Amino acid sequence: MTGPEHYKEAERLSAMVQRHPDSSDAVALAILALAEAQLAHAAATALNDNHPQEGGMPLDDLTAWREAAGTYASSIKGDDR
């Protein structure tokens, strides 16, 4: 699973908890959501910039992160969208 996929899964699980807060599974789902969010955070931290020539994140990964986080900006340098 990629970092953006972990992020989306954390959002999905969190939404399930919000829809059913009194469910017997709510605590377990919340814990899973936190674990997914931590994995996403670790991936984002490890790949924290978009300058691939200096060891940073490739543009495609940066685009995936921004789309997953709902913050996509078409002004990303080198993006043709």
C-alpha atoms as a PDB file:
ATOM      1  CA  MET A   1       0.000   0.000   0.000  1.00  0.00           C
ATOM      2  CA  THR A   2       1.332   3.448  -0.879  1.00  0.00           C
ATOM      3  CA  GLY A   3       1.351   6.498   1.387  1.00  0.00           C
ATOM      4  CA  PRO A   4      -1.604   8.103  -0.402  1.00  0.00           C
ATOM      5  CA  GLU A   5      -3.511   4.822  -0.169  1.00  0.00           C
ATOM      6  CA  HIS A   6      -2.880   4.726   3.593  1.00  0.00           C
ATOM      7  CA  TYR A   7      -4.187   8.294   3.804  1.00  0.00           C
ATOM      8  CA  LYS A   8      -7.368   7.441   1.906  1.00  0.00           C
ATOM      9  CA  GLU A   9      -7.916   4.339   4.044  1.00  0.00           C
ATOM     10  CA  ALA A  10      -7.517   6.410   7.219  1.00  0.00           C
ATOM     11  CA  GLU A  11     -10.148   8.828   5.920  1.00  0.00           C
ATOM     12  CA  ARG A  12     -12.489   5.960   5.024  1.00  0.00           C
ATOM     13  CA  LEU A  13     -12.162   4.302   8.433  1.00  0.00           C
ATOM     14  CA  SER A  14     -12.547   7.609  10.234  1.00  0.00           C
ATOM     15  CA  ALA A  15     -15.749   8.329   8.310  1.00  0.00           C
ATOM     16  CA  MET A  16     -17.102   4.914   9.320  1.00  0.00           C
ATOM     17  CA  VAL A  17     -16.473   5.745  12.981  1.00  0.00           C
ATOM     18  CA  GLN A  18     -18.208   9.108  12.581  1.00  0.00           C
ATOM     19  CA  ARG A  19     -21.247   7.482  10.968  1.00  0.00           C
ATOM     20  CA  HIS A  20     -21.533   4.791  13.660  1.00  0.00           C
ATOM     21  CA  PRO A  21     -19.941   6.185  16.860  1.00  0.00           C
ATOM     22  CA  ASP A  22     -21.949   3.876  19.139  1.00  0.00           C
ATOM     23  CA  SER A  23     -21.061   0.715  17.209  1.00  0.00           C
ATOM     24  CA  SER A  24     -19.223  -2.018  19.067  1.00  0.00           C
ATOM     25  CA  ASP A  25     -16.568  -1.771  16.339  1.00  0.00           C
ATOM     26  CA  ALA A  26     -16.051   1.994  16.651  1.00  0.00           C
ATOM     27  CA  VAL A  27     -12.983   1.777  18.901  1.00  0.00           C
ATOM     28  CA  ALA A  28     -11.313  -0.859  16.737  1.00  0.00           C
ATOM     29  CA  LEU A  29     -12.034   1.148  13.582  1.00  0.00           C
ATOM     30  CA  ALA A  30     -10.668   4.305  15.207  1.00  0.00           C
ATOM     31  CA  ILE A  31      -7.464   2.479  16.131  1.00  0.00           C
ATOM     32  CA  LEU A  32      -7.111   1.178  12.577  1.00  0.00           C
ATOM     33  CA  ALA A  33      -7.717   4.688  11.228  1.00  0.00           C
ATOM     34  CA  LEU A  34      -4.955   6.032  13.470  1.00  0.00           C
ATOM     35  CA  ALA A  35      -2.562   3.307  12.342  1.00  0.00           C
ATOM     36  CA  GLU A  36      -3.273   4.079   8.687  1.00  0.00           C
ATOM     37  CA  ALA A  37      -2.801   7.802   9.337  1.00  0.00           C
ATOM     38  CA  GLN A  38       0.546   7.123  11.023  1.00  0.00           C
ATOM     39  CA  LEU A  39       1.719   5.076   8.051  1.00  0.00           C
ATOM     40  CA  ALA A  40       0.652   7.853   5.676  1.00  0.00           C
ATOM     41  CA  HIS A  41       2.441  10.416   7.827  1.00  0.00           C
ATOM     42  CA  ALA A  42       5.613   8.331   7.867  1.00  0.00           C
ATOM     43  CA  ALA A  43       5.567   8.037   4.092  1.00  0.00           C
ATOM     44  CA  ALA A  44       4.922  11.751   3.610  1.00  0.00           C
ATOM     45  CA  THR A  45       7.675  12.663   6.044  1.00  0.00           C
ATOM     46  CA  ALA A  46      10.163  10.326   4.421  1.00  0.00           C
ATOM     47  CA  LEU A  47       9.414  11.810   1.007  1.00  0.00           C
ATOM     48  CA  ASN A  48       8.927  15.410   2.017  1.00  0.00           C
ATOM     49  CA  ASP A  49       9.930  17.398  -1.021  1.00  0.00           C
ATOM     50  CA  ASN A  50       9.427  17.287  -4.754  1.00  0.00           C
ATOM     51  CA  HIS A  51      12.987  17.804  -5.913  1.00  0.00           C
ATOM     52  CA  PRO A  52      13.910  14.358  -7.299  1.00  0.00           C
ATOM     53  CA  GLN A  53      17.419  15.466  -8.297  1.00  0.00           C
ATOM     54  CA  GLU A  54      18.186  15.996  -4.610  1.00  0.00           C
ATOM     55  CA  GLY A  55      16.651  12.793  -3.270  1.00  0.00           C
ATOM     56  CA  GLY A  56      13.113  14.141  -2.913  1.00  0.00           C
ATOM     57  CA  MET A  57       9.739  12.918  -4.056  1.00  0.00           C
ATOM     58  CA  PRO A  58       9.122  12.301  -7.776  1.00  0.00           C
ATOM     59  CA  LEU A  59       6.472  14.566  -9.312  1.00  0.00           C
ATOM     60  CA  ASP A  60       4.017  11.692  -9.830  1.00  0.00           C
ATOM     61  CA  ASP A  61       4.167  10.863  -6.112  1.00  0.00           C
ATOM     62  CA  LEU A  62       3.703  14.517  -5.159  1.00  0.00           C
ATOM     63  CA  THR A  63       0.660  14.698  -7.423  1.00  0.00           C
ATOM     64  CA  ALA A  64      -0.769  11.518  -5.856  1.00  0.00           C
ATOM     65  CA  TRP A  65      -0.272  12.980  -2.363  1.00  0.00           C
ATOM     66  CA  ARG A  66      -1.987  16.220  -3.247  1.00  0.00           C
ATOM     67  CA  GLU A  67      -4.895  14.409  -4.879  1.00  0.00           C
ATOM     68  CA  ALA A  68      -5.251  12.046  -1.894  1.00  0.00           C
ATOM     69  CA  ALA A  69      -5.201  14.955   0.529  1.00  0.00           C
ATOM     70  CA  GLY A  70      -7.659  16.944  -1.552  1.00  0.00           C
ATOM     71  CA  THR A  71      -5.171  19.770  -2.008  1.00  0.00           C
ATOM     72  CA  TYR A  72      -4.209  19.263  -5.635  1.00  0.00           C
ATOM     73  CA  ALA A  73      -2.933  22.447  -7.201  1.00  0.00           C
ATOM     74  CA  SER A  74      -2.450  22.553 -10.937  1.00  0.00           C
ATOM     75  CA  SER A  75       0.435  24.931 -10.416  1.00  0.00           C
ATOM     76  CA  ILE A  76       2.859  22.108  -9.599  1.00  0.00           C
ATOM     77  CA  LYS A  77       5.990  22.806 -11.618  1.00  0.00           C
ATOM     78  CA  GLY A  78       6.178  20.465 -14.592  1.00  0.00           C
ATOM     79  CA  ASP A  79       2.533  19.372 -14.378  1.00  0.00           C
ATOM     80  CA  ASP A  80       0.641  19.488 -17.661  1.00  0.00           C
ATOM     81  CA  ARG A  81      -2.903  19.219 -16.267  1.00  0.00           C
END
